[in-house]
């Protein structure tokens, strides 16, 4: 049996709606750990997800796949709009 690492994050999109993001595999240890440390210290970053797998089941669900890229606190106008 192969065990896969999984970390589930509950996020809010730009409209304030909840979005569930599931980090799989290496994303749990790298980006997931960094996000956990930020939240534990009281910092709530903006997270941009590129090439995630999107599902719509009682709300939006996003999962990471091998081609997914996560950007923590990206420097772009869209992220600034979410921060404000």
Protein backbone atom coordinates (compact mmCIF):
# COMPACT_ATOMS: atom_id res chain seq x y z
CA UNK A 1 0.00 0.00 0.00
CA UNK A 2 1.31 3.44 -0.94
CA UNK A 3 0.57 6.30 1.43
CA UNK A 4 0.16 9.73 -0.09
CA UNK A 5 0.69 12.85 1.95
CA UNK A 6 -2.29 15.19 2.05
CA UNK A 7 -2.91 18.58 3.64
CA UNK A 8 -6.26 20.37 3.33
CA UNK A 9 -6.42 24.16 3.47
CA UNK A 10 -9.58 26.25 3.67
CA UNK A 11 -9.16 29.48 1.74
CA UNK A 12 -11.32 32.43 0.75
CA UNK A 13 -11.41 33.65 -2.82
CA UNK A 14 -11.53 37.30 -3.88
CA UNK A 15 -15.33 37.34 -3.44
CA UNK A 16 -15.08 35.99 0.11
CA UNK A 17 -16.37 32.50 -0.73
CA UNK A 18 -14.70 29.44 0.79
CA UNK A 19 -12.48 27.29 -1.39
CA UNK A 20 -10.90 24.03 -0.25
CA UNK A 21 -7.35 23.40 -1.46
CA UNK A 22 -5.86 19.93 -1.08
CA UNK A 23 -2.07 19.75 -1.19
CA UNK A 24 -0.73 16.35 -2.24
CA UNK A 25 2.73 14.80 -1.96
CA UNK A 26 5.70 17.16 -1.90
CA UNK A 27 3.40 20.20 -1.70
CA UNK A 28 2.56 19.11 1.88
CA UNK A 29 6.14 19.31 3.06
CA UNK A 30 7.34 22.35 1.15
CA UNK A 31 4.63 24.94 0.55
CA UNK A 32 2.25 23.39 3.08
CA UNK A 33 4.76 23.65 5.92
CA UNK A 34 5.62 27.24 4.98
CA UNK A 35 1.93 28.19 4.93
CA UNK A 36 1.33 26.49 8.28
CA UNK A 37 4.20 28.39 9.89
CA UNK A 38 2.91 31.70 8.49
CA UNK A 39 -0.63 31.11 9.78
CA UNK A 40 0.65 29.92 13.17
CA UNK A 41 2.56 33.21 13.50
CA UNK A 42 -0.56 35.26 12.68
CA UNK A 43 0.27 36.00 9.03
CA UNK A 44 -2.48 35.15 6.53
CA UNK A 45 -0.89 35.17 3.06
CA UNK A 46 -2.43 35.46 -0.36
CA UNK A 47 -2.02 32.21 -2.28
CA UNK A 48 -2.14 31.96 -6.07
CA UNK A 49 -2.61 28.52 -7.63
CA UNK A 50 -1.62 27.84 -11.23
CA UNK A 51 -2.61 24.60 -12.98
CA UNK A 52 -4.51 23.11 -10.05
CA UNK A 53 -7.23 20.52 -10.59
CA UNK A 54 -10.59 22.23 -10.02
CA UNK A 55 -13.69 20.31 -8.95
CA UNK A 56 -17.14 21.65 -8.17
CA UNK A 57 -18.83 19.54 -5.50
CA UNK A 58 -20.91 21.55 -3.03
CA UNK A 59 -18.46 24.40 -3.56
CA UNK A 60 -15.12 24.76 -5.25
CA UNK A 61 -12.37 22.26 -4.55
CA UNK A 62 -8.83 22.62 -5.86
CA UNK A 63 -6.19 19.91 -5.72
CA UNK A 64 -2.52 19.98 -6.60
CA UNK A 65 -1.16 17.83 -9.41
CA UNK A 66 2.39 17.42 -10.67
CA UNK A 67 2.18 20.54 -12.88
CA UNK A 68 0.65 22.79 -10.18
CA UNK A 69 2.52 25.91 -9.12
CA UNK A 70 1.79 27.66 -5.82
CA UNK A 71 2.76 31.29 -5.28
CA UNK A 72 2.74 32.56 -1.70
CA UNK A 73 2.14 36.32 -1.44
CA UNK A 74 2.76 36.96 -5.15
CA UNK A 75 3.63 40.47 -6.25
CA UNK A 76 0.81 41.16 -8.71
CA UNK A 77 -2.19 43.54 -8.87
CA UNK A 78 -4.71 40.74 -8.24
CA UNK A 79 -2.99 39.73 -5.00
CA UNK A 80 -2.83 43.34 -3.87
CA UNK A 81 -6.58 43.61 -4.46
CA UNK A 82 -7.19 40.61 -2.19
CA UNK A 83 -4.93 42.06 0.52
CA UNK A 84 -6.80 45.39 0.59
